């Protein structure tokens, strides 16, 4: 057995069978999701939200709140799409 077929056998995959093509299509979605989460954390940092102790209050302007809510919702939506696409690429049920 070659290294590739040994690894595939160890991972429970049939020998000499590459992952489904849809699996490789996940990279842009995953990278975009990670970038959006970086934007969200960066915004929270710049607003001083990451340095606050748990349970403390922080007042945001209407604009800051709207922007933060938009970015958080977009990041959540992208994460759900990435999760769904990952399970579909593997042929699994993503309903849970």
N, C-alpha and C. Protein backbone atom coordinates (compact mmCIF):
# COMPACT_ATOMS: atom_id res chain seq x y z
N UNK A 1 0.84 -1.19 0.00
CA UNK A 1 0.00 0.00 0.00
C UNK A 1 0.87 1.24 0.00
N UNK A 2 0.46 2.24 -0.74
CA UNK A 2 1.19 3.49 -0.76
C UNK A 2 0.79 4.31 0.45
N UNK A 3 1.51 5.41 0.68
CA UNK A 3 1.17 6.30 1.79
C UNK A 3 -0.25 6.81 1.66
N UNK A 4 -0.66 7.16 0.45
CA UNK A 4 -2.00 7.70 0.22
C UNK A 4 -3.07 6.67 0.56
N UNK A 5 -2.91 5.45 0.06
CA UNK A 5 -3.93 4.44 0.33
C UNK A 5 -3.91 4.02 1.80
N UNK A 6 -2.74 4.05 2.44
CA UNK A 6 -2.67 3.74 3.87
C UNK A 6 -3.43 4.79 4.66
N UNK A 7 -3.21 6.07 4.33
CA UNK A 7 -3.91 7.14 5.02
C UNK A 7 -5.40 7.04 4.78
N UNK A 8 -5.80 6.76 3.54
CA UNK A 8 -7.23 6.65 3.22
C UNK A 8 -7.86 5.50 3.99
N UNK A 9 -7.16 4.38 4.08
CA UNK A 9 -7.69 3.23 4.82
C UNK A 9 -7.79 3.57 6.30
N UNK A 10 -6.80 4.27 6.82
CA UNK A 10 -6.83 4.65 8.23
C UNK A 10 -7.96 5.62 8.53
N UNK A 11 -8.31 6.44 7.57
CA UNK A 11 -9.37 7.42 7.76
C UNK A 11 -10.74 6.85 7.40
N UNK A 12 -10.79 5.60 7.01
CA UNK A 12 -12.07 4.98 6.69
C UNK A 12 -12.59 5.30 5.30
N UNK A 13 -11.75 5.86 4.44
CA UNK A 13 -12.16 6.19 3.08
C UNK A 13 -11.74 5.05 2.16
N UNK A 14 -12.49 4.80 1.12
CA UNK A 14 -12.07 3.78 0.14
C UNK A 14 -10.75 4.19 -0.49
N UNK A 15 -9.94 3.20 -0.84
CA UNK A 15 -8.65 3.49 -1.46
C UNK A 15 -8.82 4.21 -2.79
N UNK A 16 -7.88 5.10 -3.07
CA UNK A 16 -7.79 5.80 -4.36
C UNK A 16 -9.07 6.54 -4.74
N UNK A 17 -9.84 6.96 -3.76
CA UNK A 17 -11.04 7.73 -4.06
C UNK A 17 -10.88 9.12 -3.45
N UNK A 18 -10.76 10.13 -4.31
CA UNK A 18 -10.60 11.49 -3.78
C UNK A 18 -11.90 11.97 -3.14
N UNK A 19 -11.81 13.01 -2.30
CA UNK A 19 -13.03 13.58 -1.73
C UNK A 19 -13.93 14.08 -2.85
N UNK A 20 -15.23 14.18 -2.61
CA UNK A 20 -16.14 14.68 -3.64
C UNK A 20 -15.75 16.09 -4.08
N UNK A 21 -15.99 16.44 -5.35
CA UNK A 21 -15.62 17.77 -5.85
C UNK A 21 -16.22 18.90 -5.02
N UNK A 22 -17.41 18.70 -4.50
CA UNK A 22 -18.06 19.76 -3.71
C UNK A 22 -17.23 20.12 -2.48
N UNK A 23 -16.46 19.18 -1.99
CA UNK A 23 -15.63 19.42 -0.81
C UNK A 23 -14.61 20.52 -1.09
N UNK A 24 -14.02 20.51 -2.28
CA UNK A 24 -13.02 21.51 -2.64
C UNK A 24 -13.64 22.88 -2.88
N UNK A 25 -14.92 22.92 -3.18
CA UNK A 25 -15.61 24.19 -3.39
C UNK A 25 -15.88 24.94 -2.09
N UNK A 26 -15.60 24.33 -0.95
CA UNK A 26 -15.87 24.95 0.34
C UNK A 26 -14.86 26.02 0.72
N UNK A 27 -13.67 25.98 0.14
CA UNK A 27 -12.60 26.88 0.57
C UNK A 27 -13.00 28.36 0.52
N UNK A 28 -13.56 28.88 -0.58
CA UNK A 28 -13.92 30.30 -0.59
C UNK A 28 -14.95 30.66 0.50
N UNK A 29 -15.94 29.80 0.68
CA UNK A 29 -16.95 30.06 1.70
C UNK A 29 -16.35 30.06 3.10
N UNK A 30 -15.48 29.09 3.37
CA UNK A 30 -14.85 29.03 4.69
C UNK A 30 -13.93 30.23 4.92
N UNK A 31 -13.17 30.61 3.91
CA UNK A 31 -12.28 31.78 4.04
C UNK A 31 -13.08 33.06 4.25
N UNK A 32 -14.17 33.22 3.50
CA UNK A 32 -15.02 34.40 3.67
C UNK A 32 -15.65 34.43 5.06
N UNK A 33 -16.05 33.27 5.56
CA UNK A 33 -16.65 33.20 6.90
C UNK A 33 -15.63 33.59 7.96
N UNK A 34 -14.42 33.08 7.84
CA UNK A 34 -13.37 33.42 8.80
C UNK A 34 -13.06 34.91 8.73
N UNK A 35 -13.00 35.47 7.52
CA UNK A 35 -12.75 36.91 7.38
C UNK A 35 -13.87 37.73 8.01
N UNK A 36 -15.12 37.31 7.84
CA UNK A 36 -16.23 38.04 8.43
C UNK A 36 -16.17 37.98 9.96
N UNK A 37 -15.78 36.85 10.50
CA UNK A 37 -15.63 36.74 11.95
C UNK A 37 -14.49 37.64 12.43
N UNK A 38 -13.42 37.75 11.65
CA UNK A 38 -12.33 38.67 11.98
C UNK A 38 -12.82 40.11 11.99
N UNK A 39 -13.66 40.47 11.02
CA UNK A 39 -14.24 41.82 10.97
C UNK A 39 -15.07 42.07 12.23
N UNK A 40 -15.89 41.08 12.60
CA UNK A 40 -16.74 41.22 13.79
C UNK A 40 -15.90 41.43 15.05
N UNK A 41 -14.89 40.61 15.24
CA UNK A 41 -14.04 40.74 16.43
C UNK A 41 -13.28 42.06 16.39
N UNK A 42 -12.82 42.48 15.21
CA UNK A 42 -12.14 43.76 15.08
C UNK A 42 -13.05 44.93 15.46
N UNK A 43 -14.31 44.86 15.02
CA UNK A 43 -15.27 45.91 15.39
C UNK A 43 -15.49 45.92 16.90
N UNK A 44 -15.64 44.74 17.47
CA UNK A 44 -15.86 44.65 18.91
C UNK A 44 -14.65 45.20 19.67
N UNK A 45 -13.45 44.91 19.17
CA UNK A 45 -12.23 45.45 19.77
C UNK A 45 -12.22 46.97 19.71
N UNK A 46 -12.50 47.52 18.53
CA UNK A 46 -12.44 48.98 18.35
C UNK A 46 -13.51 49.69 19.17
N UNK A 47 -14.60 49.00 19.48
CA UNK A 47 -15.67 49.58 20.31
C UNK A 47 -15.42 49.35 21.80
N UNK A 48 -14.32 48.67 22.12
CA UNK A 48 -13.99 48.42 23.51
C UNK A 48 -14.80 47.31 24.15
N UNK A 49 -15.44 46.48 23.34
CA UNK A 49 -16.32 45.45 23.89
C UNK A 49 -15.58 44.21 24.36
N UNK A 50 -14.39 43.96 23.82
CA UNK A 50 -13.67 42.74 24.21
C UNK A 50 -12.89 42.93 25.50
N UNK A 51 -12.66 44.18 25.91
CA UNK A 51 -11.90 44.45 27.13
C UNK A 51 -12.81 44.60 28.35
N UNK A 52 -14.11 44.59 28.14
CA UNK A 52 -15.06 44.77 29.25
C UNK A 52 -15.17 43.48 30.06
N UNK A 53 -15.23 43.61 31.39
CA UNK A 53 -15.47 42.42 32.20
C UNK A 53 -16.88 41.88 31.96
N UNK A 54 -17.05 40.59 32.15
CA UNK A 54 -18.37 39.97 31.96
C UNK A 54 -19.39 40.64 32.87
N UNK A 55 -20.55 40.89 32.32
CA UNK A 55 -21.64 41.48 33.09
C UNK A 55 -21.62 43.00 33.14
N UNK A 56 -20.60 43.65 32.57
CA UNK A 56 -20.56 45.11 32.57
C UNK A 56 -21.35 45.65 31.38
N UNK A 57 -21.76 46.88 31.47
CA UNK A 57 -22.54 47.53 30.42
C UNK A 57 -21.65 48.38 29.53
N UNK A 58 -22.07 48.54 28.29
CA UNK A 58 -21.36 49.39 27.34
C UNK A 58 -22.41 50.04 26.45
N UNK A 59 -22.33 51.34 26.30
CA UNK A 59 -23.31 52.07 25.50
C UNK A 59 -22.75 52.27 24.09
N UNK A 60 -23.56 51.89 23.10
CA UNK A 60 -23.21 52.09 21.70
C UNK A 60 -24.13 53.13 21.10
N UNK A 61 -23.62 53.85 20.10
CA UNK A 61 -24.50 54.74 19.36
C UNK A 61 -25.43 53.89 18.51
N UNK A 62 -26.48 54.50 17.98
CA UNK A 62 -27.40 53.78 17.11
C UNK A 62 -26.66 53.21 15.90
N UNK A 63 -25.77 54.01 15.32
CA UNK A 63 -24.99 53.56 14.16
C UNK A 63 -24.08 52.40 14.49
N UNK A 64 -23.38 52.48 15.63
CA UNK A 64 -22.51 51.38 16.05
C UNK A 64 -23.31 50.10 16.28
N UNK A 65 -24.44 50.25 16.94
CA UNK A 65 -25.30 49.09 17.20
C UNK A 65 -25.80 48.46 15.91
N UNK A 66 -26.23 49.31 14.97
CA UNK A 66 -26.71 48.80 13.68
C UNK A 66 -25.61 48.07 12.92
N UNK A 67 -24.41 48.67 12.89
CA UNK A 67 -23.29 48.03 12.19
C UNK A 67 -22.90 46.71 12.84
N UNK A 68 -22.81 46.71 14.16
CA UNK A 68 -22.43 45.51 14.88
C UNK A 68 -23.47 44.40 14.67
N UNK A 69 -24.74 44.76 14.73
CA UNK A 69 -25.80 43.78 14.52
C UNK A 69 -25.75 43.22 13.10
N UNK A 70 -25.53 44.09 12.11
CA UNK A 70 -25.44 43.64 10.72
C UNK A 70 -24.28 42.66 10.53
N UNK A 71 -23.11 43.01 11.03
CA UNK A 71 -21.93 42.16 10.85
C UNK A 71 -22.12 40.84 11.60
N UNK A 72 -22.68 40.89 12.81
CA UNK A 72 -22.91 39.66 13.58
C UNK A 72 -23.90 38.75 12.86
N UNK A 73 -24.97 39.31 12.33
CA UNK A 73 -25.96 38.51 11.59
C UNK A 73 -25.37 37.93 10.31
N UNK A 74 -24.55 38.71 9.62
CA UNK A 74 -23.91 38.22 8.40
C UNK A 74 -22.94 37.09 8.72
N UNK A 75 -22.15 37.25 9.78
CA UNK A 75 -21.22 36.20 10.19
C UNK A 75 -21.96 34.93 10.58
N UNK A 76 -23.07 35.07 11.28
CA UNK A 76 -23.85 33.90 11.68
C UNK A 76 -24.44 33.20 10.46
N UNK A 77 -24.96 33.97 9.52
CA UNK A 77 -25.53 33.40 8.30
C UNK A 77 -24.47 32.67 7.49
N UNK A 78 -23.30 33.27 7.36
CA UNK A 78 -22.21 32.64 6.61
C UNK A 78 -21.75 31.36 7.29
N UNK A 79 -21.72 31.36 8.62
CA UNK A 79 -21.33 30.16 9.37
C UNK A 79 -22.32 29.03 9.14
N UNK A 80 -23.61 29.36 9.13
CA UNK A 80 -24.64 28.35 8.88
C UNK A 80 -24.53 27.79 7.46
N UNK A 81 -24.27 28.67 6.49
CA UNK A 81 -24.10 28.21 5.10
C UNK A 81 -22.88 27.31 4.97
N UNK A 82 -21.79 27.67 5.64
CA UNK A 82 -20.58 26.85 5.60
C UNK A 82 -20.84 25.48 6.22
N UNK A 83 -21.54 25.46 7.33
CA UNK A 83 -21.88 24.19 7.99
C UNK A 83 -22.73 23.32 7.08
N UNK A 84 -23.76 23.92 6.49
CA UNK A 84 -24.66 23.19 5.59
C UNK A 84 -23.89 22.64 4.39
N UNK A 85 -23.05 23.47 3.78
CA UNK A 85 -22.28 23.05 2.61
C UNK A 85 -21.30 21.93 2.96
N UNK A 86 -20.71 22.01 4.13
CA UNK A 86 -19.77 20.97 4.58
C UNK A 86 -20.48 19.62 4.70
N UNK A 87 -21.62 19.61 5.37
CA UNK A 87 -22.36 18.36 5.54
C UNK A 87 -22.87 17.83 4.20
N UNK A 88 -23.32 18.72 3.33
CA UNK A 88 -23.77 18.28 2.01
C UNK A 88 -22.63 17.68 1.20
N UNK A 89 -21.44 18.29 1.30
CA UNK A 89 -20.28 17.77 0.57
C UNK A 89 -19.91 16.37 1.05
N UNK A 90 -20.15 16.10 2.32
CA UNK A 90 -19.86 14.77 2.87
C UNK A 90 -21.01 13.80 2.66
N UNK A 91 -22.16 14.32 2.20
CA UNK A 91 -23.32 13.47 2.00
C UNK A 91 -24.06 13.16 3.28
N UNK A 92 -23.90 14.02 4.28
CA UNK A 92 -24.56 13.83 5.57
C UNK A 92 -25.79 14.70 5.67
N UNK A 93 -26.66 14.35 6.61
CA UNK A 93 -27.85 15.16 6.90
C UNK A 93 -27.44 16.32 7.79
N UNK A 94 -27.72 17.53 7.35
CA UNK A 94 -27.32 18.72 8.11
C UNK A 94 -28.51 19.34 8.82
N UNK A 95 -29.55 18.58 9.08
CA UNK A 95 -30.77 19.15 9.65
C UNK A 95 -30.65 19.47 11.13
N UNK A 96 -29.67 18.90 11.83
CA UNK A 96 -29.59 19.16 13.27
C UNK A 96 -28.79 20.40 13.57
